[in-house]
PDB file of all heavy atoms in Angstrom:
ATOM      1  N   ILE A   1     -42.528 -17.045   2.388  1.00  0.00           N
ATOM      2  CA  ILE A   1     -41.184 -17.593   2.179  1.00  0.00           C
ATOM      3  C   ILE A   1     -40.657 -18.212   3.474  1.00  0.00           C
ATOM      4  O   ILE A   1     -40.016 -19.275   3.460  1.00  0.00           O
ATOM      5  CB  ILE A   1     -40.231 -16.500   1.662  1.00  0.00           C
ATOM      6  CG1 ILE A   1     -40.663 -16.045   0.260  1.00  0.00           C
ATOM      7  CG2 ILE A   1     -38.784 -16.990   1.641  1.00  0.00           C
ATOM      8  CD1 ILE A   1     -39.888 -14.856  -0.267  1.00  0.00           C
ATOM      9  N   PHE A   2     -40.966 -17.569   4.598  1.00  0.00           N
ATOM     10  CA  PHE A   2     -40.560 -18.120   5.889  1.00  0.00           C
ATOM     11  C   PHE A   2     -41.203 -19.480   6.133  1.00  0.00           C
ATOM     12  O   PHE A   2     -40.541 -20.425   6.603  1.00  0.00           O
ATOM     13  CB  PHE A   2     -40.928 -17.146   6.999  1.00  0.00           C
ATOM     14  CG  PHE A   2     -40.593 -17.639   8.385  1.00  0.00           C
ATOM     15  CD1 PHE A   2     -39.295 -18.008   8.716  1.00  0.00           C
ATOM     16  CD2 PHE A   2     -41.572 -17.741   9.352  1.00  0.00           C
ATOM     17  CE1 PHE A   2     -38.977 -18.467   9.986  1.00  0.00           C
ATOM     18  CE2 PHE A   2     -41.276 -18.202  10.623  1.00  0.00           C
ATOM     19  CZ  PHE A   2     -39.975 -18.555  10.947  1.00  0.00           C
ATOM     20  N   ALA A   3     -42.483 -19.593   5.800  1.00  0.00           N
ATOM     21  CA  ALA A   3     -43.182 -20.868   5.982  1.00  0.00           C
ATOM     22  C   ALA A   3     -42.560 -21.954   5.110  1.00  0.00           C
ATOM     23  O   ALA A   3     -42.342 -23.087   5.566  1.00  0.00           O
ATOM     24  CB  ALA A   3     -44.667 -20.699   5.659  1.00  0.00           C
ATOM     25  N   LEU A   4     -42.268 -21.623   3.856  1.00  0.00           N
ATOM     26  CA  LEU A   4     -41.631 -22.595   2.971  1.00  0.00           C
ATOM     27  C   LEU A   4     -40.234 -22.958   3.465  1.00  0.00           C
ATOM     28  O   LEU A   4     -39.799 -24.111   3.351  1.00  0.00           O
ATOM     29  CB  LEU A   4     -41.550 -22.031   1.553  1.00  0.00           C
ATOM     30  CG  LEU A   4     -42.892 -21.850   0.820  1.00  0.00           C
ATOM     31  CD1 LEU A   4     -42.680 -21.136  -0.512  1.00  0.00           C
ATOM     32  CD2 LEU A   4     -43.570 -23.198   0.602  1.00  0.00           C
ATOM     33  N   SER A   5     -39.541 -21.972   4.026  1.00  0.00           N
ATOM     34  CA  SER A   5     -38.210 -22.226   4.552  1.00  0.00           C
ATOM     35  C   SER A   5     -38.276 -23.149   5.761  1.00  0.00           C
ATOM     36  O   SER A   5     -37.420 -24.030   5.936  1.00  0.00           O
ATOM     37  CB  SER A   5     -37.536 -20.905   4.926  1.00  0.00           C
ATOM     38  OG  SER A   5     -36.205 -21.098   5.332  1.00  0.00           O
ATOM     39  N   LEU A   6     -39.284 -22.964   6.600  1.00  0.00           N
ATOM     40  CA  LEU A   6     -39.466 -23.863   7.745  1.00  0.00           C
ATOM     41  C   LEU A   6     -39.723 -25.287   7.276  1.00  0.00           C
ATOM     42  O   LEU A   6     -39.189 -26.251   7.841  1.00  0.00           O
ATOM     43  CB  LEU A   6     -40.626 -23.383   8.618  1.00  0.00           C
ATOM     44  CG  LEU A   6     -40.364 -22.182   9.532  1.00  0.00           C
ATOM     45  CD1 LEU A   6     -41.649 -21.773  10.229  1.00  0.00           C
ATOM     46  CD2 LEU A   6     -39.293 -22.522  10.564  1.00  0.00           C
ATOM     47  N   LEU A   7     -40.538 -25.422   6.238  1.00  0.00           N
ATOM     48  CA  LEU A   7     -40.824 -26.756   5.708  1.00  0.00           C
ATOM     49  C   LEU A   7     -39.572 -27.399   5.106  1.00  0.00           C
ATOM     50  O   LEU A   7     -39.348 -28.602   5.235  1.00  0.00           O
ATOM     51  CB  LEU A   7     -41.924 -26.672   4.645  1.00  0.00           C
ATOM     52  CG  LEU A   7     -43.343 -26.369   5.143  1.00  0.00           C
ATOM     53  CD1 LEU A   7     -44.291 -26.177   3.967  1.00  0.00           C
ATOM     54  CD2 LEU A   7     -43.847 -27.499   6.042  1.00  0.00           C
ATOM     55  N   GLY A   8     -38.759 -26.584   4.449  1.00  0.00           N
ATOM     56  CA  GLY A   8     -37.602 -27.125   3.754  1.00  0.00           C
ATOM     57  C   GLY A   8     -36.365 -27.296   4.597  1.00  0.00           C
ATOM     58  O   GLY A   8     -35.506 -28.131   4.288  1.00  0.00           O
ATOM     59  N   ALA A   9     -36.243 -26.509   5.669  1.00  0.00           N
ATOM     60  CA  ALA A   9     -35.017 -26.553   6.474  1.00  0.00           C
ATOM     61  C   ALA A   9     -35.263 -26.893   7.942  1.00  0.00           C
ATOM     62  O   ALA A   9     -34.336 -27.319   8.630  1.00  0.00           O
ATOM     63  CB  ALA A   9     -34.288 -25.210   6.385  1.00  0.00           C
ATOM     64  N   GLY A  10     -36.480 -26.691   8.405  1.00  0.00           N
ATOM     65  CA  GLY A  10     -36.775 -26.975   9.799  1.00  0.00           C
ATOM     66  C   GLY A  10     -36.529 -25.781  10.699  1.00  0.00           C
ATOM     67  O   GLY A  10     -35.760 -24.874  10.359  1.00  0.00           O
ATOM     68  N   LEU A  11     -37.156 -25.789  11.855  1.00  0.00           N
ATOM     69  CA  LEU A  11     -37.036 -24.671  12.792  1.00  0.00           C
ATOM     70  C   LEU A  11     -35.616 -24.547  13.335  1.00  0.00           C
ATOM     71  O   LEU A  11     -35.098 -23.440  13.486  1.00  0.00           O
ATOM     72  CB  LEU A  11     -38.018 -24.854  13.948  1.00  0.00           C
ATOM     73  CG  LEU A  11     -37.971 -23.804  15.061  1.00  0.00           C
ATOM     74  CD1 LEU A  11     -38.274 -22.417  14.500  1.00  0.00           C
ATOM     75  CD2 LEU A  11     -38.946 -24.170  16.184  1.00  0.00           C
ATOM     76  N   GLN A  12     -34.963 -25.686  13.604  1.00  0.00           N
ATOM     77  CA  GLN A  12     -33.643 -25.639  14.219  1.00  0.00           C
ATOM     78  C   GLN A  12     -32.637 -24.909  13.341  1.00  0.00           C
ATOM     79  O   GLN A  12     -31.756 -24.197  13.843  1.00  0.00           O
ATOM     80  CB  GLN A  12     -33.149 -27.051  14.518  1.00  0.00           C
ATOM     81  CG  GLN A  12     -31.863 -27.099  15.328  1.00  0.00           C
ATOM     82  CD  GLN A  12     -32.016 -26.417  16.685  1.00  0.00           C
ATOM     83  OE1 GLN A  12     -32.981 -26.633  17.404  1.00  0.00           O
ATOM     84  NE2 GLN A  12     -31.067 -25.548  17.018  1.00  0.00           N
ATOM     85  N   ALA A  13     -32.745 -25.070  12.024  1.00  0.00           N
ATOM     86  CA  ALA A  13     -31.821 -24.378  11.121  1.00  0.00           C
ATOM     87  C   ALA A  13     -31.951 -22.868  11.260  1.00  0.00           C
ATOM     88  O   ALA A  13     -30.945 -22.135  11.216  1.00  0.00           O
ATOM     89  CB  ALA A  13     -32.082 -24.801   9.678  1.00  0.00           C
ATOM     90  N   HIS A  14     -33.174 -22.393  11.440  1.00  0.00           N
ATOM     91  CA  HIS A  14     -33.379 -20.953  11.591  1.00  0.00           C
ATOM     92  C   HIS A  14     -32.826 -20.464  12.926  1.00  0.00           C
ATOM     93  O   HIS A  14     -32.254 -19.371  13.009  1.00  0.00           O
ATOM     94  CB  HIS A  14     -34.869 -20.625  11.473  1.00  0.00           C
ATOM     95  CG  HIS A  14     -35.422 -20.869  10.102  1.00  0.00           C
ATOM     96  ND1 HIS A  14     -35.702 -22.134   9.630  1.00  0.00           N
ATOM     97  CD2 HIS A  14     -35.734 -20.011   9.090  1.00  0.00           C
ATOM     98  CE1 HIS A  14     -36.166 -22.052   8.403  1.00  0.00           C
ATOM     99  NE2 HIS A  14     -36.193 -20.780   8.045  1.00  0.00           N
ATOM    100  N   VAL A  15     -32.990 -21.281  13.962  1.00  0.00           N
ATOM    101  CA  VAL A  15     -32.426 -20.933  15.270  1.00  0.00           C
ATOM    102  C   VAL A  15     -30.904 -20.906  15.182  1.00  0.00           C
ATOM    103  O   VAL A  15     -30.246 -19.988  15.701  1.00  0.00           O
ATOM    104  CB  VAL A  15     -32.891 -21.937  16.343  1.00  0.00           C
ATOM    105  CG1 VAL A  15     -32.170 -21.668  17.671  1.00  0.00           C
ATOM    106  CG2 VAL A  15     -34.401 -21.857  16.529  1.00  0.00           C
ATOM    107  N   ASP A  16     -30.338 -21.904  14.505  1.00  0.00           N
ATOM    108  CA  ASP A  16     -28.879 -21.962  14.361  1.00  0.00           C
ATOM    109  C   ASP A  16     -28.356 -20.768  13.578  1.00  0.00           C
ATOM    110  O   ASP A  16     -27.276 -20.239  13.888  1.00  0.00           O
ATOM    111  CB  ASP A  16     -28.472 -23.255  13.656  1.00  0.00           C
ATOM    112  CG  ASP A  16     -28.711 -24.488  14.512  1.00  0.00           C
ATOM    113  OD1 ASP A  16     -28.862 -24.336  15.743  1.00  0.00           O
ATOM    114  OD2 ASP A  16     -28.760 -25.599  13.943  1.00  0.00           O
ATOM    115  N   TRP A  17     -29.095 -20.351  12.550  1.00  0.00           N
ATOM    116  CA  TRP A  17     -28.658 -19.186  11.779  1.00  0.00           C
ATOM    117  C   TRP A  17     -28.633 -17.934  12.663  1.00  0.00           C
ATOM    118  O   TRP A  17     -27.662 -17.170  12.651  1.00  0.00           O
ATOM    119  CB  TRP A  17     -29.579 -18.953  10.590  1.00  0.00           C
ATOM    120  CG  TRP A  17     -29.326 -17.629   9.936  1.00  0.00           C
ATOM    121  CD1 TRP A  17     -28.217 -17.248   9.253  1.00  0.00           C
ATOM    122  CD2 TRP A  17     -30.182 -16.480   9.967  1.00  0.00           C
ATOM    123  NE1 TRP A  17     -28.333 -15.935   8.832  1.00  0.00           N
ATOM    124  CE2 TRP A  17     -29.524 -15.444   9.254  1.00  0.00           C
ATOM    125  CE3 TRP A  17     -31.445 -16.240  10.503  1.00  0.00           C
ATOM    126  CZ2 TRP A  17     -30.086 -14.195   9.089  1.00  0.00           C
ATOM    127  CZ3 TRP A  17     -32.017 -14.977  10.338  1.00  0.00           C
ATOM    128  CH2 TRP A  17     -31.338 -13.968   9.634  1.00  0.00           C
ATOM    129  N   MET A  18     -29.680 -17.736  13.451  1.00  0.00           N
ATOM    130  CA  MET A  18     -29.734 -16.559  14.322  1.00  0.00           C
ATOM    131  C   MET A  18     -28.594 -16.589  15.343  1.00  0.00           C
ATOM    132  O   MET A  18     -28.025 -15.546  15.686  1.00  0.00           O
ATOM    133  CB  MET A  18     -31.086 -16.493  15.024  1.00  0.00           C
ATOM    134  CG  MET A  18     -32.253 -16.246  14.066  1.00  0.00           C
ATOM    135  SD  MET A  18     -33.851 -16.126  14.906  1.00  0.00           S
ATOM    136  CE  MET A  18     -33.613 -14.620  15.848  1.00  0.00           C
ATOM    137  N   ARG A  19     -28.234 -17.780  15.809  1.00  0.00           N
ATOM    138  CA  ARG A  19     -27.123 -17.887  16.757  1.00  0.00           C
ATOM    139  C   ARG A  19     -25.777 -17.619  16.096  1.00  0.00           C
ATOM    140  O   ARG A  19     -24.843 -17.140  16.746  1.00  0.00           O
ATOM    141  CB  ARG A  19     -27.117 -19.287  17.376  1.00  0.00           C
ATOM    142  CG  ARG A  19     -28.262 -19.549  18.370  1.00  0.00           C
ATOM    143  CD  ARG A  19     -28.255 -20.997  18.817  1.00  0.00           C
ATOM    144  NE  ARG A  19     -29.267 -21.242  19.832  1.00  0.00           N
ATOM    145  CZ  ARG A  19     -29.617 -22.456  20.270  1.00  0.00           C
ATOM    146  NH1 ARG A  19     -29.006 -23.537  19.755  1.00  0.00           N
ATOM    147  NH2 ARG A  19     -30.545 -22.596  21.184  1.00  0.00           N
ATOM    148  N   SER A  20     -25.681 -17.925  14.807  1.00  0.00           N
ATOM    149  CA  SER A  20     -24.399 -17.769  14.107  1.00  0.00           C
ATOM    150  C   SER A  20     -24.086 -16.326  13.758  1.00  0.00           C
ATOM    151  O   SER A  20     -22.913 -15.961  13.610  1.00  0.00           O
ATOM    152  CB  SER A  20     -24.393 -18.609  12.825  1.00  0.00           C
ATOM    153  OG  SER A  20     -25.226 -18.027  11.823  1.00  0.00           O
ATOM    154  N   VAL A  21     -25.119 -15.497  13.635  1.00  0.00           N
ATOM    155  CA  VAL A  21     -24.915 -14.121  13.179  1.00  0.00           C
ATOM    156  C   VAL A  21     -23.991 -13.331  14.106  1.00  0.00           C
ATOM    157  O   VAL A  21     -23.043 -12.672  13.641  1.00  0.00           O
ATOM    158  CB  VAL A  21     -26.269 -13.406  13.005  1.00  0.00           C
ATOM    159  CG1 VAL A  21     -26.059 -11.917  12.737  1.00  0.00           C
ATOM    160  CG2 VAL A  21     -27.061 -14.044  11.867  1.00  0.00           C
ATOM    161  N   PRO A  22     -24.198 -13.355  15.443  1.00  0.00           N
ATOM    162  CA  PRO A  22     -23.308 -12.566  16.309  1.00  0.00           C
ATOM    163  C   PRO A  22     -21.864 -13.058  16.320  1.00  0.00           C
ATOM    164  O   PRO A  22     -20.953 -12.299  16.694  1.00  0.00           O
ATOM    165  CB  PRO A  22     -23.947 -12.733  17.700  1.00  0.00           C
ATOM    166  CG  PRO A  22     -25.342 -13.164  17.447  1.00  0.00           C
ATOM    167  CD  PRO A  22     -25.278 -14.003  16.202  1.00  0.00           C
ATOM    168  N   ASP A  23     -21.624 -14.322  15.920  1.00  0.00           N
ATOM    169  CA  ASP A  23     -20.268 -14.878  15.971  1.00  0.00           C
ATOM    170  C   ASP A  23     -19.431 -14.532  14.749  1.00  0.00           C
ATOM    171  O   ASP A  23     -18.221 -14.802  14.743  1.00  0.00           O
ATOM    172  CB  ASP A  23     -20.338 -16.404  16.118  1.00  0.00           C
ATOM    173  CG  ASP A  23     -20.934 -16.836  17.457  1.00  0.00           C
ATOM    174  OD1 ASP A  23     -20.803 -16.062  18.420  1.00  0.00           O
ATOM    175  OD2 ASP A  23     -21.538 -17.918  17.511  1.00  0.00           O
ATOM    176  N   SER A  24     -20.052 -13.969  13.727  1.00  0.00           N
ATOM    177  CA  SER A  24     -19.326 -13.638  12.496  1.00  0.00           C
ATOM    178  C   SER A  24     -19.044 -12.141  12.450  1.00  0.00           C
ATOM    179  O   SER A  24     -19.965 -11.324  12.576  1.00  0.00           O
ATOM    180  CB  SER A  24     -20.140 -14.064  11.266  1.00  0.00           C
ATOM    181  OG  SER A  24     -20.305 -15.465  11.248  1.00  0.00           O
ATOM    182  N   ARG A  25     -17.781 -11.786  12.265  1.00  0.00           N
ATOM    183  CA  ARG A  25     -17.394 -10.376  12.235  1.00  0.00           C
ATOM    184  C   ARG A  25     -17.726  -9.776  10.874  1.00  0.00           C
ATOM    185  O   ARG A  25     -17.564 -10.444   9.845  1.00  0.00           O
ATOM    186  CB  ARG A  25     -15.900 -10.242  12.507  1.00  0.00           C
ATOM    187  CG  ARG A  25     -15.398  -8.794  12.546  1.00  0.00           C
ATOM    188  CD  ARG A  25     -13.915  -8.742  12.820  1.00  0.00           C
ATOM    189  NE  ARG A  25     -13.605  -9.312  14.140  1.00  0.00           N
ATOM    190  CZ  ARG A  25     -12.362  -9.441  14.609  1.00  0.00           C
ATOM    191  NH1 ARG A  25     -11.325  -9.059  13.867  1.00  0.00           N
ATOM    192  NH2 ARG A  25     -12.172  -9.958  15.800  1.00  0.00           N
ATOM    193  N   PRO A  26     -18.195  -8.525  10.835  1.00  0.00           N
ATOM    194  CA  PRO A  26     -18.447  -7.862   9.540  1.00  0.00           C
ATOM    195  C   PRO A  26     -17.187  -7.838   8.680  1.00  0.00           C
ATOM    196  O   PRO A  26     -16.071  -7.805   9.201  1.00  0.00           O
ATOM    197  CB  PRO A  26     -18.884  -6.450   9.945  1.00  0.00           C
ATOM    198  CG  PRO A  26     -19.418  -6.608  11.340  1.00  0.00           C
ATOM    199  CD  PRO A  26     -18.589  -7.681  11.978  1.00  0.00           C
TER     200      PRO A  26
END
């Protein structure tokens, strides 16, 4: 699923998601 996600969204989208997680409060 990760490989398909990389193909469909690109590596940068995954990096951006990881960066966004700490900025959002539970």
